Amino acid sequence: MPKVKTKSGAKKRFKVTGTGKVKRKRAYKNHILTKKETKQKRRLGNKAVVKAEDMNNVKFMLPYAL
């Protein structure tokens, strides 16, 4: 059976925690930040955990990480 390639974009964007959860960056913090409130920008700076509904897609992109 051949090896499965990891998606190179996914390996840059996701990190796996010690308990097996997958961390991701939040969206909407790249540009047009002047109209967003400071509280919102601070919240968007934190990492989030990938939801269970999206885990199948992440497992496909990172076959050896999980």
N, C-alpha and C. Protein backbone atom coordinates (compact mmCIF):
# COMPACT_ATOMS: atom_id res chain seq x y z
N MET A 1 0.85 -1.18 0.00
CA MET A 1 0.00 0.00 0.00
C MET A 1 0.90 1.25 0.00
N PRO A 2 0.65 2.20 -0.87
CA PRO A 2 1.51 3.38 -0.92
C PRO A 2 1.26 4.32 0.24
N LYS A 3 2.24 5.16 0.47
CA LYS A 3 2.08 6.16 1.52
C LYS A 3 1.06 7.21 1.08
N VAL A 4 0.40 7.83 2.05
CA VAL A 4 -0.56 8.89 1.78
C VAL A 4 0.13 10.22 2.05
N LYS A 5 -0.01 11.15 1.12
CA LYS A 5 0.64 12.45 1.29
C LYS A 5 -0.18 13.35 2.20
N THR A 6 0.51 14.10 3.03
CA THR A 6 -0.11 15.13 3.86
C THR A 6 -0.30 16.38 3.01
N LYS A 7 -1.45 17.04 3.14
CA LYS A 7 -1.68 18.29 2.42
C LYS A 7 -0.77 19.35 3.02
N SER A 8 0.06 19.97 2.19
CA SER A 8 1.07 20.89 2.71
C SER A 8 0.43 22.15 3.27
N GLY A 9 -0.72 22.56 2.76
CA GLY A 9 -1.41 23.72 3.32
C GLY A 9 -1.97 23.43 4.69
N ALA A 10 -2.42 22.20 4.91
CA ALA A 10 -3.01 21.83 6.19
C ALA A 10 -1.95 21.72 7.28
N LYS A 11 -0.78 21.23 6.94
CA LYS A 11 0.25 21.08 7.98
C LYS A 11 0.75 22.42 8.47
N LYS A 12 0.56 23.47 7.67
CA LYS A 12 0.94 24.81 8.11
C LYS A 12 -0.14 25.45 8.97
N ARG A 13 -1.38 25.00 8.84
CA ARG A 13 -2.51 25.67 9.47
C ARG A 13 -3.05 24.98 10.71
N PHE A 14 -2.74 23.72 10.92
CA PHE A 14 -3.30 22.97 12.04
C PHE A 14 -2.18 22.42 12.92
N LYS A 15 -2.46 22.36 14.23
CA LYS A 15 -1.54 21.74 15.18
C LYS A 15 -2.36 20.76 16.03
N VAL A 16 -1.77 19.62 16.34
CA VAL A 16 -2.45 18.61 17.14
C VAL A 16 -1.97 18.72 18.58
N THR A 17 -2.92 18.73 19.52
CA THR A 17 -2.57 18.82 20.93
C THR A 17 -2.18 17.45 21.45
N GLY A 18 -1.75 17.40 22.69
CA GLY A 18 -1.37 16.13 23.29
C GLY A 18 -2.53 15.18 23.48
N THR A 19 -3.73 15.73 23.63
CA THR A 19 -4.90 14.87 23.82
C THR A 19 -5.55 14.48 22.51
N GLY A 20 -5.00 14.92 21.38
CA GLY A 20 -5.53 14.52 20.08
C GLY A 20 -6.47 15.51 19.44
N LYS A 21 -6.71 16.64 20.11
CA LYS A 21 -7.55 17.66 19.50
C LYS A 21 -6.72 18.45 18.49
N VAL A 22 -7.41 19.13 17.58
CA VAL A 22 -6.72 19.89 16.54
C VAL A 22 -7.02 21.36 16.74
N LYS A 23 -5.94 22.16 16.82
CA LYS A 23 -6.09 23.61 16.99
C LYS A 23 -6.02 24.27 15.63
N ARG A 24 -6.74 25.40 15.51
CA ARG A 24 -6.76 26.15 14.27
C ARG A 24 -6.78 27.64 14.60
N LYS A 25 -6.45 28.45 13.61
CA LYS A 25 -6.53 29.90 13.76
C LYS A 25 -7.95 30.35 13.43
N ARG A 26 -8.39 31.42 14.04
CA ARG A 26 -9.72 31.97 13.74
C ARG A 26 -9.66 32.85 12.50
N ALA A 27 -10.77 32.96 11.82
CA ALA A 27 -10.86 33.77 10.61
C ALA A 27 -11.12 35.23 10.96
N TYR A 28 -11.08 36.09 9.97
CA TYR A 28 -11.45 37.52 10.05
C TYR A 28 -10.47 38.37 10.85
N LYS A 29 -9.20 38.01 10.89
CA LYS A 29 -8.25 38.88 11.58
C LYS A 29 -7.06 39.23 10.69
N ASN A 30 -7.28 39.31 9.39
CA ASN A 30 -6.18 39.60 8.49
C ASN A 30 -6.15 41.05 8.02
N HIS A 31 -7.30 41.61 7.69
CA HIS A 31 -7.31 42.98 7.20
C HIS A 31 -8.66 43.59 7.52
N ILE A 32 -8.79 44.88 7.24
CA ILE A 32 -9.97 45.68 7.59
C ILE A 32 -10.24 45.57 9.10
N LEU A 33 -9.20 45.88 9.88
CA LEU A 33 -9.31 45.73 11.33
C LEU A 33 -9.77 47.02 12.00
N THR A 34 -9.83 48.12 11.25
CA THR A 34 -10.19 49.39 11.89
C THR A 34 -11.65 49.43 12.31
N LYS A 35 -12.51 48.73 11.59
CA LYS A 35 -13.93 48.76 11.95
C LYS A 35 -14.32 47.68 12.96
N LYS A 36 -13.39 46.82 13.33
CA LYS A 36 -13.67 45.79 14.32
C LYS A 36 -13.27 46.28 15.71
N GLU A 37 -14.05 45.91 16.70
CA GLU A 37 -13.77 46.37 18.06
C GLU A 37 -12.56 45.65 18.63
N THR A 38 -11.95 46.28 19.61
CA THR A 38 -10.75 45.71 20.23
C THR A 38 -11.05 44.37 20.87
N LYS A 39 -12.21 44.24 21.48
CA LYS A 39 -12.59 42.98 22.12
C LYS A 39 -12.69 41.86 21.08
N GLN A 40 -13.24 42.16 19.93
CA GLN A 40 -13.37 41.16 18.88
C GLN A 40 -12.01 40.74 18.34
N LYS A 41 -11.12 41.73 18.13
CA LYS A 41 -9.79 41.42 17.61
C LYS A 41 -8.99 40.59 18.62
N ARG A 42 -9.16 40.88 19.90
CA ARG A 42 -8.47 40.12 20.93
C ARG A 42 -8.98 38.68 20.94
N ARG A 43 -10.27 38.50 20.81
CA ARG A 43 -10.85 37.15 20.81
C ARG A 43 -10.40 36.37 19.57
N LEU A 44 -10.31 37.05 18.43
CA LEU A 44 -9.89 36.38 17.20
C LEU A 44 -8.42 35.99 17.22
N GLY A 45 -7.64 36.58 18.12
CA GLY A 45 -6.24 36.22 18.21
C GLY A 45 -6.01 34.88 18.87
N ASN A 46 -7.00 34.39 19.61
CA ASN A 46 -6.86 33.10 20.30
C ASN A 46 -7.09 31.96 19.33
N LYS A 47 -6.50 30.82 19.64
CA LYS A 47 -6.70 29.63 18.83
C LYS A 47 -8.04 28.99 19.17
N ALA A 48 -8.59 28.23 18.25
CA ALA A 48 -9.84 27.52 18.45
C ALA A 48 -9.60 26.04 18.17
N VAL A 49 -10.52 25.20 18.63
CA VAL A 49 -10.44 23.76 18.40
C VAL A 49 -11.36 23.42 17.24
N VAL A 50 -10.91 22.53 16.37
CA VAL A 50 -11.72 22.11 15.23
C VAL A 50 -12.92 21.32 15.74
N LYS A 51 -14.09 21.62 15.21
CA LYS A 51 -15.32 20.95 15.65
C LYS A 51 -15.37 19.52 15.13
N ALA A 52 -16.20 18.71 15.78
CA ALA A 52 -16.31 17.29 15.43
C ALA A 52 -16.81 17.10 14.01
N GLU A 53 -17.65 18.01 13.53
CA GLU A 53 -18.20 17.89 12.17
C GLU A 53 -17.12 18.04 11.11
N ASP A 54 -16.07 18.78 11.43
CA ASP A 54 -15.00 19.04 10.46
C ASP A 54 -13.80 18.10 10.63
N MET A 55 -13.83 17.24 11.62
CA MET A 55 -12.66 16.40 11.89
C MET A 55 -12.39 15.40 10.77
N ASN A 56 -13.43 14.92 10.07
CA ASN A 56 -13.19 13.98 8.98
C ASN A 56 -12.36 14.63 7.88
N ASN A 57 -12.64 15.89 7.58
CA ASN A 57 -11.86 16.59 6.57
C ASN A 57 -10.42 16.78 7.01
N VAL A 58 -10.22 17.11 8.29
CA VAL A 58 -8.86 17.33 8.80
C VAL A 58 -8.10 16.01 8.83
N LYS A 59 -8.76 14.93 9.20
CA LYS A 59 -8.09 13.62 9.21
C LYS A 59 -7.64 13.21 7.82
N PHE A 60 -8.44 13.56 6.82
CA PHE A 60 -8.05 13.26 5.44
C PHE A 60 -6.82 14.05 5.03
N MET A 61 -6.74 15.32 5.48
CA MET A 61 -5.62 16.17 5.09
C MET A 61 -4.35 15.87 5.89
N LEU A 62 -4.51 15.39 7.13
CA LEU A 62 -3.36 15.08 7.98
C LEU A 62 -3.42 13.61 8.38
N PRO A 63 -3.11 12.68 7.48
CA PRO A 63 -3.31 11.27 7.78
C PRO A 63 -2.41 10.71 8.87
N TYR A 64 -1.24 11.29 9.09
CA TYR A 64 -0.31 10.73 10.07
C TYR A 64 -0.29 11.52 11.37
N ALA A 65 -1.03 12.61 11.45
CA ALA A 65 -1.01 13.43 12.66
C ALA A 65 -1.99 12.91 13.71
N LEU A 66 -3.05 12.23 13.27
CA LEU A 66 -4.09 11.78 14.20
C LEU A 66 -4.11 10.28 14.34
